[in-house]
């Protein structure tokens, strides 16, 4: 089972929901959103909202190796 950092699997006190912030525009969400993009760069988690993901899709695709196509 995977849990977010700070989650307790031992029945300890409940923690507040993790607030997510878009790394590009600063939009906030109270919990993981199914339409947001998630990446790990240099060991740091980055969340990108669905609007920013759509607006930058061509740039994201342009950085993929040709083997992906």
N, C-alpha and C. Protein backbone atom coordinates (compact mmCIF):
# COMPACT_ATOMS: atom_id res chain seq x y z
N UNK A 1 0.84 -1.17 0.00
CA UNK A 1 0.00 0.00 0.00
C UNK A 1 0.89 1.24 0.00
N UNK A 2 0.49 2.23 -0.75
CA UNK A 2 1.23 3.48 -0.81
C UNK A 2 0.46 4.54 -0.05
N UNK A 3 1.16 5.35 0.73
CA UNK A 3 0.50 6.42 1.45
C UNK A 3 1.30 7.69 1.29
N UNK A 4 0.61 8.81 1.41
CA UNK A 4 1.27 10.10 1.32
C UNK A 4 2.11 10.32 2.56
N UNK A 5 3.17 11.11 2.43
CA UNK A 5 4.00 11.38 3.60
C UNK A 5 3.15 12.04 4.67
N UNK A 6 3.33 11.62 5.90
CA UNK A 6 2.54 12.15 6.99
C UNK A 6 1.32 11.30 7.31
N UNK A 7 0.94 10.40 6.39
CA UNK A 7 -0.19 9.53 6.67
C UNK A 7 0.22 8.51 7.71
N UNK A 8 -0.72 8.12 8.52
CA UNK A 8 -0.44 7.14 9.55
C UNK A 8 -1.13 5.83 9.22
N UNK A 9 -0.39 4.76 9.18
CA UNK A 9 -0.97 3.44 8.94
C UNK A 9 -1.17 2.69 10.25
N UNK A 10 -0.78 3.28 11.37
CA UNK A 10 -0.85 2.60 12.66
C UNK A 10 -2.01 3.09 13.51
N UNK A 11 -2.98 3.74 12.90
CA UNK A 11 -4.14 4.19 13.65
C UNK A 11 -3.86 5.42 14.49
N UNK A 12 -2.81 6.15 14.21
CA UNK A 12 -2.50 7.38 14.95
C UNK A 12 -3.48 8.47 14.61
N UNK A 13 -3.20 9.67 15.07
CA UNK A 13 -4.11 10.77 14.82
C UNK A 13 -4.13 11.10 13.33
N UNK A 14 -5.29 11.49 12.87
CA UNK A 14 -5.45 11.83 11.45
C UNK A 14 -4.76 13.16 11.16
N UNK A 15 -4.18 13.24 9.98
CA UNK A 15 -3.54 14.48 9.57
C UNK A 15 -4.46 15.25 8.64
N UNK A 16 -4.18 16.53 8.46
CA UNK A 16 -4.98 17.33 7.56
C UNK A 16 -4.72 16.88 6.13
N UNK A 17 -5.71 17.02 5.23
CA UNK A 17 -5.49 16.64 3.84
C UNK A 17 -4.35 17.45 3.24
N UNK A 18 -3.59 16.80 2.36
CA UNK A 18 -2.46 17.46 1.72
C UNK A 18 -2.99 18.48 0.72
N UNK A 19 -2.56 19.72 0.83
CA UNK A 19 -2.93 20.76 -0.11
C UNK A 19 -1.93 20.75 -1.25
N UNK A 20 -2.42 20.67 -2.48
CA UNK A 20 -1.56 20.66 -3.65
C UNK A 20 -1.55 22.04 -4.29
N UNK A 21 -0.40 22.41 -4.85
CA UNK A 21 -0.25 23.69 -5.52
C UNK A 21 0.35 23.43 -6.90
N UNK A 22 -0.26 23.99 -7.93
CA UNK A 22 0.27 23.85 -9.28
C UNK A 22 1.63 24.53 -9.35
N UNK A 23 2.63 23.82 -9.87
CA UNK A 23 3.99 24.34 -9.95
C UNK A 23 4.12 25.46 -10.98
N UNK A 24 3.15 25.60 -11.87
CA UNK A 24 3.23 26.63 -12.91
C UNK A 24 2.41 27.88 -12.57
N UNK A 25 1.15 27.72 -12.16
CA UNK A 25 0.28 28.89 -11.97
C UNK A 25 -0.11 29.16 -10.52
N UNK A 26 0.14 28.20 -9.63
CA UNK A 26 -0.17 28.41 -8.21
C UNK A 26 -1.58 28.03 -7.80
N UNK A 27 -2.37 27.46 -8.70
CA UNK A 27 -3.71 27.01 -8.35
C UNK A 27 -3.63 25.99 -7.23
N UNK A 28 -4.56 26.04 -6.28
CA UNK A 28 -4.54 25.14 -5.13
C UNK A 28 -5.68 24.14 -5.21
N UNK A 29 -5.43 22.93 -4.69
CA UNK A 29 -6.44 21.88 -4.58
C UNK A 29 -6.26 21.22 -3.22
N UNK A 30 -7.35 20.79 -2.61
CA UNK A 30 -7.30 20.21 -1.27
C UNK A 30 -6.86 18.76 -1.25
N UNK A 31 -6.96 18.07 -2.39
CA UNK A 31 -6.58 16.66 -2.44
C UNK A 31 -6.10 16.35 -3.85
N UNK A 32 -5.46 15.20 -4.05
CA UNK A 32 -5.02 14.84 -5.40
C UNK A 32 -6.19 14.86 -6.38
N UNK A 33 -5.97 15.46 -7.52
CA UNK A 33 -7.00 15.58 -8.54
C UNK A 33 -6.70 14.63 -9.69
N UNK A 34 -7.67 13.87 -10.18
CA UNK A 34 -7.41 12.89 -11.23
C UNK A 34 -6.98 13.51 -12.56
N UNK A 35 -7.24 14.79 -12.76
CA UNK A 35 -6.89 15.43 -14.03
C UNK A 35 -5.56 16.18 -13.96
N UNK A 36 -4.93 16.23 -12.80
CA UNK A 36 -3.65 16.91 -12.66
C UNK A 36 -2.50 15.99 -13.07
N UNK A 37 -1.40 16.60 -13.51
CA UNK A 37 -0.20 15.86 -13.89
C UNK A 37 0.76 15.86 -12.71
N UNK A 38 1.43 14.75 -12.50
CA UNK A 38 2.37 14.61 -11.40
C UNK A 38 3.71 14.18 -11.95
N UNK A 39 4.79 14.81 -11.50
CA UNK A 39 6.12 14.38 -11.91
C UNK A 39 7.09 14.53 -10.75
N UNK A 40 8.19 13.81 -10.84
CA UNK A 40 9.26 13.94 -9.86
C UNK A 40 10.49 14.38 -10.63
N UNK A 41 11.01 15.55 -10.28
CA UNK A 41 12.19 16.10 -10.94
C UNK A 41 13.24 16.38 -9.88
N UNK A 42 14.39 15.75 -10.02
CA UNK A 42 15.49 15.90 -9.05
C UNK A 42 15.02 15.59 -7.63
N UNK A 43 14.15 14.60 -7.49
CA UNK A 43 13.68 14.18 -6.18
C UNK A 43 12.57 15.03 -5.59
N UNK A 44 12.08 16.02 -6.33
CA UNK A 44 11.03 16.91 -5.84
C UNK A 44 9.74 16.64 -6.60
N UNK A 45 8.62 16.51 -5.87
CA UNK A 45 7.32 16.30 -6.49
C UNK A 45 6.80 17.61 -7.08
N UNK A 46 6.28 17.51 -8.28
CA UNK A 46 5.67 18.67 -8.95
C UNK A 46 4.29 18.27 -9.43
N UNK A 47 3.30 19.09 -9.10
CA UNK A 47 1.94 18.89 -9.56
C UNK A 47 1.60 20.00 -10.53
N UNK A 48 0.96 19.65 -11.66
CA UNK A 48 0.56 20.62 -12.67
C UNK A 48 -0.94 20.48 -12.87
N UNK A 49 -1.67 21.59 -12.74
CA UNK A 49 -3.13 21.55 -12.88
C UNK A 49 -3.52 21.19 -14.31
N UNK A 50 -4.77 20.79 -14.49
CA UNK A 50 -5.21 20.35 -15.81
C UNK A 50 -5.14 21.46 -16.85
N UNK A 51 -5.41 22.70 -16.45
CA UNK A 51 -5.34 23.82 -17.39
C UNK A 51 -3.91 24.02 -17.90
N UNK A 52 -2.94 24.05 -16.99
CA UNK A 52 -1.54 24.22 -17.39
C UNK A 52 -1.05 23.03 -18.21
N UNK A 53 -1.50 21.83 -17.85
CA UNK A 53 -1.11 20.63 -18.60
C UNK A 53 -1.58 20.74 -20.04
N UNK A 54 -2.84 21.15 -20.23
CA UNK A 54 -3.38 21.28 -21.59
C UNK A 54 -2.64 22.36 -22.38
N UNK A 55 -2.39 23.50 -21.72
CA UNK A 55 -1.73 24.62 -22.40
C UNK A 55 -0.30 24.29 -22.81
N UNK A 56 0.35 23.37 -22.11
CA UNK A 56 1.75 23.07 -22.37
C UNK A 56 1.96 21.67 -22.95
N UNK A 57 0.90 21.05 -23.43
CA UNK A 57 1.00 19.69 -23.95
C UNK A 57 2.00 19.58 -25.09
N UNK A 58 1.99 20.51 -26.02
CA UNK A 58 2.91 20.45 -27.17
C UNK A 58 4.36 20.53 -26.70
N UNK A 59 4.66 21.36 -25.72
CA UNK A 59 6.02 21.47 -25.20
C UNK A 59 6.44 20.17 -24.51
N UNK A 60 5.51 19.55 -23.78
CA UNK A 60 5.80 18.29 -23.10
C UNK A 60 6.09 17.21 -24.14
N UNK A 61 5.23 17.12 -25.16
CA UNK A 61 5.42 16.12 -26.21
C UNK A 61 6.72 16.35 -26.96
N UNK A 62 7.09 17.60 -27.17
CA UNK A 62 8.30 17.94 -27.91
C UNK A 62 9.58 17.49 -27.23
N UNK A 63 9.53 17.29 -25.92
CA UNK A 63 10.72 16.86 -25.18
C UNK A 63 10.87 15.34 -25.11
N UNK A 64 9.87 14.61 -25.56
CA UNK A 64 9.94 13.15 -25.53
C UNK A 64 10.87 12.64 -26.62
N UNK A 65 11.59 11.58 -26.32
CA UNK A 65 12.44 10.94 -27.31
C UNK A 65 11.59 10.38 -28.44
N UNK A 66 12.17 10.30 -29.61
CA UNK A 66 11.43 9.79 -30.76
C UNK A 66 10.99 8.34 -30.56
N UNK A 67 11.64 7.61 -29.67
CA UNK A 67 11.24 6.23 -29.38
C UNK A 67 9.83 6.16 -28.82
N UNK A 68 9.33 7.22 -28.21
CA UNK A 68 7.97 7.24 -27.68
C UNK A 68 6.93 7.26 -28.79
N UNK A 69 7.32 7.69 -29.96
CA UNK A 69 6.37 7.83 -31.07
C UNK A 69 6.51 6.65 -31.98
